Amino acid sequence: MFGVDERLHHLAAQRSNVLAIYASLNQPHIGVPGKIAQEAQGFIVSIRNASGHYSIFVTLHLTQTHELIHYTDSDRPEVPKEGYRDAEADAVGFVESMGFMLDNLNYRALPPDQQDNLLATLPPFQAHPGAAATAEAATDDAEVSPQVKLAKLFASF
């Protein structure tokens, strides 16, 4: 069961440990308890831990206040390789139940420079609430993959 993880402020991940990133193609208007209702972007990030197990994080980026809300599966904070696909499917179902339409960014298939670009620009990996906009503005569009451009385009609606 996914619940808010108040300990997380951003996802600190190295390129080699990230398995998958899903990004929402839309920005539904949602209400998160304790926050004002507003449009949000949804993300799912899967990370391989030092233990060899996997953790799956759901991040909501509230677009008006630039807050990040991180969710983890309290029943399965770490899953073995054999349970990864089921845990990922549960995360997708959780995010889609909030009204998000997701796109797999095919992170592992991207060249290293584009993977680095995602980690530097996507909200789940930003340490400060406004850092995502600053990093995005500083990114040269020529270096951004077509998949990332498309995800950012759809996320802007």
N, C-alpha and C. Protein backbone atom coordinates (compact mmCIF):
# COMPACT_ATOMS: atom_id res chain seq x y z
N MET A 1 0.84 -1.18 0.00
CA MET A 1 0.00 0.00 0.00
C MET A 1 0.89 1.24 0.00
N PHE A 2 0.64 2.13 -0.95
CA PHE A 2 1.45 3.34 -1.05
C PHE A 2 0.97 4.40 -0.09
N GLY A 3 1.93 5.03 0.56
CA GLY A 3 1.64 6.12 1.48
C GLY A 3 2.73 7.17 1.40
N VAL A 4 2.42 8.37 1.85
CA VAL A 4 3.38 9.47 1.81
C VAL A 4 4.56 9.14 2.71
N ASP A 5 5.76 9.36 2.18
CA ASP A 5 6.99 9.16 2.95
C ASP A 5 7.57 10.55 3.24
N GLU A 6 7.28 11.06 4.42
CA GLU A 6 7.68 12.43 4.80
C GLU A 6 9.20 12.58 4.94
N ARG A 7 9.91 11.48 5.05
CA ARG A 7 11.37 11.55 5.19
C ARG A 7 12.06 11.96 3.90
N LEU A 8 11.41 11.74 2.77
CA LEU A 8 12.02 12.02 1.47
C LEU A 8 11.75 13.46 1.02
N HIS A 9 12.80 14.12 0.58
CA HIS A 9 12.66 15.46 0.01
C HIS A 9 12.99 15.45 -1.47
N HIS A 10 13.78 14.48 -1.87
CA HIS A 10 14.10 14.23 -3.28
C HIS A 10 14.70 12.84 -3.37
N LEU A 11 14.79 12.31 -4.57
CA LEU A 11 15.39 11.00 -4.77
C LEU A 11 16.85 11.18 -5.17
N ALA A 12 17.73 10.76 -4.30
CA ALA A 12 19.16 10.84 -4.60
C ALA A 12 19.54 9.52 -5.28
N ALA A 13 19.77 9.59 -6.57
CA ALA A 13 20.04 8.37 -7.32
C ALA A 13 21.20 8.59 -8.27
N GLN A 14 21.97 7.56 -8.45
CA GLN A 14 23.04 7.57 -9.45
C GLN A 14 22.48 6.95 -10.72
N ARG A 15 23.00 7.39 -11.84
CA ARG A 15 22.52 6.93 -13.14
C ARG A 15 22.48 5.41 -13.22
N SER A 16 23.51 4.74 -12.73
CA SER A 16 23.60 3.28 -12.86
C SER A 16 22.59 2.53 -12.00
N ASN A 17 22.02 3.17 -10.98
CA ASN A 17 21.08 2.50 -10.09
C ASN A 17 19.62 2.67 -10.49
N VAL A 18 19.34 3.58 -11.41
CA VAL A 18 17.96 3.81 -11.83
C VAL A 18 17.59 2.77 -12.88
N LEU A 19 16.50 2.08 -12.63
CA LEU A 19 16.03 1.05 -13.56
C LEU A 19 15.01 1.58 -14.54
N ALA A 20 14.07 2.39 -14.05
CA ALA A 20 12.99 2.87 -14.90
C ALA A 20 12.45 4.19 -14.37
N ILE A 21 11.98 5.00 -15.32
CA ILE A 21 11.29 6.24 -14.97
C ILE A 21 10.05 6.33 -15.84
N TYR A 22 8.92 6.53 -15.20
CA TYR A 22 7.67 6.81 -15.89
C TYR A 22 7.32 8.26 -15.57
N ALA A 23 6.80 8.97 -16.54
CA ALA A 23 6.37 10.35 -16.34
C ALA A 23 4.95 10.50 -16.87
N SER A 24 4.19 11.35 -16.22
CA SER A 24 2.81 11.56 -16.67
C SER A 24 2.80 12.41 -17.93
N LEU A 25 1.85 12.08 -18.78
CA LEU A 25 1.65 12.83 -20.01
C LEU A 25 0.64 13.96 -19.80
N ASN A 26 -0.04 13.93 -18.67
CA ASN A 26 -1.04 14.94 -18.36
C ASN A 26 -0.80 15.47 -16.96
N GLN A 27 -1.54 16.51 -16.61
CA GLN A 27 -1.44 17.11 -15.29
C GLN A 27 -2.84 17.26 -14.70
N PRO A 28 -3.37 16.18 -14.14
CA PRO A 28 -4.71 16.29 -13.56
C PRO A 28 -4.72 17.17 -12.32
N HIS A 29 -5.87 17.71 -12.04
CA HIS A 29 -6.08 18.52 -10.84
C HIS A 29 -6.36 17.55 -9.70
N ILE A 30 -5.48 17.50 -8.71
CA ILE A 30 -5.66 16.54 -7.62
C ILE A 30 -5.59 17.23 -6.27
N GLY A 31 -6.11 16.55 -5.28
CA GLY A 31 -6.04 17.03 -3.92
C GLY A 31 -5.22 16.06 -3.09
N VAL A 32 -4.18 16.57 -2.46
CA VAL A 32 -3.35 15.79 -1.55
C VAL A 32 -3.66 16.30 -0.14
N PRO A 33 -3.97 15.41 0.80
CA PRO A 33 -4.29 15.87 2.15
C PRO A 33 -3.23 16.82 2.70
N GLY A 34 -3.70 17.96 3.22
CA GLY A 34 -2.81 18.95 3.80
C GLY A 34 -2.24 19.94 2.80
N LYS A 35 -2.57 19.79 1.51
CA LYS A 35 -2.07 20.69 0.46
C LYS A 35 -3.27 21.25 -0.29
N ILE A 36 -3.07 22.40 -0.93
CA ILE A 36 -4.16 22.93 -1.74
C ILE A 36 -4.29 22.10 -3.01
N ALA A 37 -5.52 21.89 -3.46
CA ALA A 37 -5.76 21.13 -4.68
C ALA A 37 -5.18 21.91 -5.85
N GLN A 38 -4.48 21.20 -6.73
CA GLN A 38 -3.83 21.84 -7.86
C GLN A 38 -3.42 20.80 -8.89
N GLU A 39 -2.96 21.28 -10.03
CA GLU A 39 -2.47 20.37 -11.06
C GLU A 39 -1.16 19.76 -10.58
N ALA A 40 -0.92 18.54 -11.05
CA ALA A 40 0.30 17.84 -10.63
C ALA A 40 0.83 16.99 -11.77
N GLN A 41 2.12 16.74 -11.70
CA GLN A 41 2.78 15.78 -12.58
C GLN A 41 3.03 14.54 -11.73
N GLY A 42 2.94 13.37 -12.35
CA GLY A 42 3.19 12.14 -11.64
C GLY A 42 4.41 11.43 -12.21
N PHE A 43 5.19 10.82 -11.34
CA PHE A 43 6.39 10.08 -11.74
C PHE A 43 6.47 8.78 -10.96
N ILE A 44 7.02 7.77 -11.60
CA ILE A 44 7.39 6.52 -10.92
C ILE A 44 8.87 6.32 -11.22
N VAL A 45 9.63 6.08 -10.17
CA VAL A 45 11.06 5.84 -10.31
C VAL A 45 11.41 4.54 -9.61
N SER A 46 12.07 3.66 -10.34
CA SER A 46 12.52 2.39 -9.77
C SER A 46 14.04 2.43 -9.63
N ILE A 47 14.52 2.08 -8.43
CA ILE A 47 15.94 2.15 -8.13
C ILE A 47 16.44 0.83 -7.56
N ARG A 48 17.61 0.40 -8.02
CA ARG A 48 18.27 -0.79 -7.47
C ARG A 48 19.10 -0.32 -6.26
N ASN A 49 18.85 -0.96 -5.12
CA ASN A 49 19.54 -0.61 -3.87
C ASN A 49 20.87 -1.36 -3.76
N ALA A 50 21.69 -0.93 -2.83
CA ALA A 50 22.97 -1.58 -2.58
C ALA A 50 22.78 -3.05 -2.19
N SER A 51 21.64 -3.37 -1.60
CA SER A 51 21.36 -4.75 -1.18
C SER A 51 21.03 -5.67 -2.35
N GLY A 52 20.85 -5.07 -3.55
CA GLY A 52 20.45 -5.86 -4.71
C GLY A 52 18.95 -5.93 -4.89
N HIS A 53 18.20 -5.42 -3.92
CA HIS A 53 16.75 -5.35 -4.03
C HIS A 53 16.36 -4.04 -4.71
N TYR A 54 15.07 -3.90 -4.97
CA TYR A 54 14.58 -2.74 -5.70
C TYR A 54 13.59 -1.95 -4.85
N SER A 55 13.60 -0.63 -5.04
CA SER A 55 12.62 0.25 -4.40
C SER A 55 11.92 1.02 -5.49
N ILE A 56 10.62 1.19 -5.30
CA ILE A 56 9.82 1.92 -6.28
C ILE A 56 9.19 3.11 -5.57
N PHE A 57 9.42 4.28 -6.16
CA PHE A 57 8.94 5.53 -5.59
C PHE A 57 7.93 6.17 -6.54
N VAL A 58 6.90 6.73 -5.96
CA VAL A 58 5.93 7.53 -6.71
C VAL A 58 6.12 8.95 -6.21
N THR A 59 6.30 9.87 -7.15
CA THR A 59 6.47 11.27 -6.80
C THR A 59 5.43 12.10 -7.52
N LEU A 60 4.77 12.96 -6.76
CA LEU A 60 3.87 13.95 -7.34
C LEU A 60 4.54 15.31 -7.24
N HIS A 61 4.59 16.00 -8.35
CA HIS A 61 5.12 17.37 -8.37
C HIS A 61 3.92 18.30 -8.49
N LEU A 62 3.63 19.02 -7.40
CA LEU A 62 2.51 19.96 -7.40
C LEU A 62 2.96 21.21 -8.14
N THR A 63 2.34 21.47 -9.28
CA THR A 63 2.88 22.48 -10.19
C THR A 63 2.69 23.92 -9.73
N GLN A 64 1.69 24.20 -8.91
CA GLN A 64 1.48 25.57 -8.45
C GLN A 64 2.45 25.93 -7.33
N THR A 65 2.62 25.04 -6.37
CA THR A 65 3.47 25.32 -5.21
C THR A 65 4.86 24.73 -5.34
N HIS A 66 5.09 23.94 -6.37
CA HIS A 66 6.37 23.28 -6.63
C HIS A 66 6.80 22.37 -5.48
N GLU A 67 5.82 21.79 -4.81
CA GLU A 67 6.11 20.84 -3.75
C GLU A 67 6.23 19.44 -4.35
N LEU A 68 7.04 18.61 -3.72
CA LEU A 68 7.16 17.22 -4.11
C LEU A 68 6.57 16.36 -3.01
N ILE A 69 5.71 15.44 -3.40
CA ILE A 69 5.12 14.48 -2.47
C ILE A 69 5.63 13.11 -2.91
N HIS A 70 6.37 12.44 -2.03
CA HIS A 70 6.93 11.13 -2.36
C HIS A 70 6.13 10.05 -1.64
N TYR A 71 5.81 9.01 -2.39
CA TYR A 71 5.10 7.85 -1.85
C TYR A 71 5.99 6.63 -1.98
N THR A 72 5.91 5.78 -0.97
CA THR A 72 6.57 4.48 -1.02
C THR A 72 5.55 3.42 -0.61
N ASP A 73 5.85 2.20 -0.97
CA ASP A 73 4.98 1.07 -0.63
C ASP A 73 5.40 0.59 0.76
N SER A 74 4.60 0.90 1.77
CA SER A 74 4.97 0.54 3.14
C SER A 74 5.00 -0.97 3.35
N ASP A 75 4.23 -1.71 2.54
CA ASP A 75 4.24 -3.16 2.66
C ASP A 75 5.47 -3.78 2.00
N ARG A 76 6.01 -3.09 1.01
CA ARG A 76 7.18 -3.59 0.27
C ARG A 76 8.16 -2.46 -0.02
N PRO A 77 8.87 -1.97 1.01
CA PRO A 77 9.82 -0.89 0.75
C PRO A 77 10.98 -1.33 -0.16
N GLU A 78 11.32 -2.60 -0.09
CA GLU A 78 12.32 -3.20 -0.98
C GLU A 78 11.77 -4.52 -1.47
N VAL A 79 11.93 -4.76 -2.77
CA VAL A 79 11.44 -6.01 -3.33
C VAL A 79 12.58 -6.74 -4.02
N PRO A 80 12.57 -8.06 -3.95
CA PRO A 80 13.59 -8.82 -4.68
C PRO A 80 13.31 -8.77 -6.18
N LYS A 81 14.29 -9.14 -6.95
CA LYS A 81 14.17 -9.11 -8.41
C LYS A 81 12.91 -9.83 -8.89
N GLU A 82 12.59 -10.96 -8.26
CA GLU A 82 11.43 -11.75 -8.68
C GLU A 82 10.11 -11.01 -8.49
N GLY A 83 10.05 -10.09 -7.56
CA GLY A 83 8.81 -9.37 -7.28
C GLY A 83 8.75 -7.99 -7.90
N TYR A 84 9.80 -7.61 -8.61
CA TYR A 84 9.90 -6.25 -9.15
C TYR A 84 8.75 -5.90 -10.10
N ARG A 85 8.46 -6.76 -11.06
CA ARG A 85 7.42 -6.45 -12.06
C ARG A 85 6.05 -6.26 -11.41
N ASP A 86 5.73 -7.10 -10.43
CA ASP A 86 4.45 -6.95 -9.74
C ASP A 86 4.39 -5.63 -8.96
N ALA A 87 5.49 -5.28 -8.30
CA ALA A 87 5.55 -4.04 -7.54
C ALA A 87 5.45 -2.83 -8.47
N GLU A 88 6.09 -2.91 -9.62
CA GLU A 88 6.03 -1.82 -10.59
C GLU A 88 4.60 -1.68 -11.12
N ALA A 89 3.95 -2.78 -11.40
CA ALA A 89 2.56 -2.75 -11.88
C ALA A 89 1.64 -2.13 -10.83
N ASP A 90 1.89 -2.42 -9.55
CA ASP A 90 1.10 -1.82 -8.48
C ASP A 90 1.29 -0.30 -8.45
N ALA A 91 2.52 0.15 -8.65
CA ALA A 91 2.81 1.59 -8.67
C ALA A 91 2.09 2.26 -9.85
N VAL A 92 2.14 1.63 -11.01
CA VAL A 92 1.45 2.17 -12.18
C VAL A 92 -0.05 2.26 -11.91
N GLY A 93 -0.62 1.22 -11.33
CA GLY A 93 -2.05 1.23 -11.00
C GLY A 93 -2.39 2.34 -10.01
N PHE A 94 -1.54 2.53 -9.03
CA PHE A 94 -1.75 3.58 -8.01
C PHE A 94 -1.76 4.95 -8.66
N VAL A 95 -0.79 5.23 -9.51
CA VAL A 95 -0.69 6.54 -10.15
C VAL A 95 -1.83 6.75 -11.15
N GLU A 96 -2.14 5.73 -11.92
CA GLU A 96 -3.24 5.86 -12.88
C GLU A 96 -4.58 6.04 -12.19
N SER A 97 -4.73 5.50 -10.98
CA SER A 97 -5.99 5.67 -10.24
C SER A 97 -6.23 7.12 -9.84
N MET A 98 -5.17 7.94 -9.83
CA MET A 98 -5.30 9.36 -9.52
C MET A 98 -5.61 10.18 -10.77
N GLY A 99 -5.65 9.53 -11.94
CA GLY A 99 -5.98 10.24 -13.17
C GLY A 99 -4.81 10.53 -14.08
N PHE A 100 -3.64 10.03 -13.73
CA PHE A 100 -2.46 10.27 -14.56
C PHE A 100 -2.41 9.26 -15.70
N MET A 101 -1.96 9.73 -16.86
CA MET A 101 -1.63 8.85 -17.98
C MET A 101 -0.11 8.81 -18.04
N LEU A 102 0.47 7.61 -17.96
CA LEU A 102 1.92 7.48 -17.84
C LEU A 102 2.59 7.07 -19.14
N ASP A 103 3.84 7.50 -19.27
CA ASP A 103 4.69 7.09 -20.37
C ASP A 103 5.99 6.58 -19.79
N ASN A 104 6.41 5.40 -20.23
CA ASN A 104 7.71 4.86 -19.84
C ASN A 104 8.76 5.61 -20.65
N LEU A 105 9.69 6.28 -19.99
CA LEU A 105 10.72 7.06 -20.68
C LEU A 105 11.85 6.19 -21.22
N ASN A 106 11.75 4.87 -21.03
CA ASN A 106 12.77 3.92 -21.51
C ASN A 106 14.17 4.36 -21.10
N TYR A 107 14.29 4.66 -19.84
CA TYR A 107 15.52 5.20 -19.26
C TYR A 107 16.74 4.34 -19.59
N ARG A 108 16.65 3.04 -19.40
CA ARG A 108 17.81 2.16 -19.60
C ARG A 108 18.29 2.14 -21.05
N ALA A 109 17.41 2.44 -22.00
CA ALA A 109 17.78 2.41 -23.41
C ALA A 109 18.40 3.73 -23.88
N LEU A 110 18.34 4.75 -23.04
CA LEU A 110 18.89 6.05 -23.42
C LEU A 110 20.41 6.08 -23.27
N PRO A 111 21.10 6.89 -24.07
CA PRO A 111 22.54 7.06 -23.88
C PRO A 111 22.82 7.72 -22.52
N PRO A 112 24.01 7.50 -21.96
CA PRO A 112 24.34 8.05 -20.64
C PRO A 112 24.12 9.55 -20.50
N ASP A 113 24.42 10.33 -21.52
CA ASP A 113 24.24 11.78 -21.40
C ASP A 113 22.76 12.15 -21.26
N GLN A 114 21.87 11.42 -21.93
CA GLN A 114 20.45 11.69 -21.79
C GLN A 114 19.92 11.19 -20.45
N GLN A 115 20.48 10.10 -19.94
CA GLN A 115 20.11 9.64 -18.60
C GLN A 115 20.51 10.70 -17.57
N ASP A 116 21.72 11.23 -17.70
CA ASP A 116 22.17 12.29 -16.79
C ASP A 116 21.26 13.50 -16.87
N ASN A 117 20.82 13.84 -18.09
CA ASN A 117 19.93 14.98 -18.28
C ASN A 117 18.61 14.77 -17.53
N LEU A 118 18.06 13.57 -17.59
CA LEU A 118 16.82 13.29 -16.85
C LEU A 118 17.03 13.45 -15.36
N LEU A 119 18.13 12.92 -14.84
CA LEU A 119 18.39 13.01 -13.40
C LEU A 119 18.63 14.45 -12.97
N ALA A 120 19.10 15.28 -13.88
CA ALA A 120 19.38 16.68 -13.56
C ALA A 120 18.15 17.57 -13.71
N THR A 121 17.14 17.13 -14.45
CA THR A 121 16.02 18.03 -14.73
C THR A 121 14.66 17.59 -14.21
N LEU A 122 14.44 16.32 -14.02
CA LEU A 122 13.10 15.88 -13.58
C LEU A 122 12.88 16.18 -12.09
N PRO A 123 11.69 16.64 -11.74
CA PRO A 123 11.40 17.03 -10.36
C PRO A 123 11.72 16.00 -9.26
N PRO A 124 11.48 14.69 -9.44
CA PRO A 124 11.76 13.78 -8.32
C PRO A 124 13.20 13.83 -7.82
N PHE A 125 14.13 14.25 -8.67
CA PHE A 125 15.54 14.23 -8.32
C PHE A 125 16.05 15.60 -7.86
N GLN A 126 15.17 16.58 -7.76
CA GLN A 126 15.58 17.93 -7.41
C GLN A 126 15.56 18.12 -5.90
N ALA A 127 16.66 18.64 -5.38
CA ALA A 127 16.80 18.83 -3.93
C ALA A 127 15.99 20.00 -3.41
N HIS A 128 15.74 21.00 -4.25
CA HIS A 128 15.01 22.19 -3.82
C HIS A 128 13.79 22.36 -4.70
N PRO A 129 12.67 22.80 -4.13
CA PRO A 129 11.43 22.88 -4.89
C PRO A 129 11.54 23.64 -6.21
N GLY A 130 12.26 24.75 -6.27
CA GLY A 130 12.36 25.53 -7.49
C GLY A 130 13.48 25.09 -8.40
N ALA A 131 14.27 24.11 -7.99
CA ALA A 131 15.44 23.71 -8.78
C ALA A 131 15.06 23.10 -10.11
N ALA A 132 13.91 22.46 -10.19
CA ALA A 132 13.51 21.83 -11.45
C ALA A 132 13.34 22.87 -12.55
N ALA A 133 12.70 23.98 -12.24
CA ALA A 133 12.50 25.01 -13.25
C ALA A 133 13.83 25.64 -13.65
N THR A 134 14.71 25.87 -12.68
CA THR A 134 16.01 26.44 -12.99
C THR A 134 16.84 25.52 -13.86
N ALA A 135 16.88 24.24 -13.50
CA ALA A 135 17.65 23.28 -14.27
C ALA A 135 17.08 23.12 -15.67
N GLU A 136 15.76 23.13 -15.79
CA GLU A 136 15.13 22.97 -17.09
C GLU A 136 15.45 24.17 -17.98
N ALA A 137 15.43 25.36 -17.41
CA ALA A 137 15.71 26.56 -18.20
C ALA A 137 17.16 26.58 -18.67
N ALA A 138 18.05 26.00 -17.89
CA ALA A 138 19.47 26.00 -18.23
C ALA A 138 19.84 24.89 -19.21
N THR A 139 18.93 23.96 -19.45
CA THR A 139 19.23 22.84 -20.33
C THR A 139 19.11 23.25 -21.79
N ASP A 140 20.09 22.90 -22.58
CA ASP A 140 20.05 23.19 -24.01
C ASP A 140 19.15 22.16 -24.68
N ASP A 141 18.12 22.61 -25.39
CA ASP A 141 17.16 21.70 -26.02
C ASP A 141 17.82 20.75 -27.00
N ALA A 142 18.95 21.11 -27.56
CA ALA A 142 19.62 20.23 -28.51
C ALA A 142 20.13 18.96 -27.83
N GLU A 143 20.33 19.02 -26.50
CA GLU A 143 20.86 17.87 -25.76
C GLU A 143 19.75 16.99 -25.20
N VAL A 144 18.50 17.41 -25.33
CA VAL A 144 17.39 16.69 -24.75
C VAL A 144 16.84 15.70 -25.77
N SER A 145 16.61 14.47 -25.31
CA SER A 145 16.11 13.42 -26.20
C SER A 145 14.68 13.74 -26.64
N PRO A 146 14.26 13.19 -27.77
CA PRO A 146 12.87 13.40 -28.21
C PRO A 146 11.85 12.90 -27.19
N GLN A 147 12.16 11.79 -26.49
CA GLN A 147 11.23 11.27 -25.49
C GLN A 147 11.04 12.26 -24.34
N VAL A 148 12.14 12.89 -23.92
CA VAL A 148 12.06 13.84 -22.82
C VAL A 148 11.30 15.08 -23.28
N LYS A 149 11.57 15.55 -24.51
CA LYS A 149 10.85 16.71 -25.04
C LYS A 149 9.35 16.43 -25.08
N LEU A 150 8.99 15.24 -25.54
CA LEU A 150 7.58 14.87 -25.63
C LEU A 150 6.96 14.81 -24.24
N ALA A 151 7.66 14.20 -23.29
CA ALA A 151 7.13 14.11 -21.92
C ALA A 151 6.94 15.49 -21.32
N LYS A 152 7.90 16.39 -21.55
CA LYS A 152 7.79 17.76 -21.02
C LYS A 152 6.66 18.51 -21.71
N LEU A 153 6.49 18.29 -23.01
CA LEU A 153 5.41 18.94 -23.73
C LEU A 153 4.06 18.52 -23.18
N PHE A 154 3.85 17.21 -23.05
CA PHE A 154 2.57 16.73 -22.53
C PHE A 154 2.37 17.15 -21.08
N ALA A 155 3.44 17.20 -20.31
CA ALA A 155 3.33 17.58 -18.90
C ALA A 155 2.94 19.04 -18.74
N SER A 156 3.17 19.86 -19.76
CA SER A 156 2.86 21.28 -19.67
C SER A 156 1.38 21.58 -19.83
N PHE A 157 0.57 20.61 -20.24
CA PHE A 157 -0.86 20.84 -20.45
C PHE A 157 -1.65 20.61 -19.20
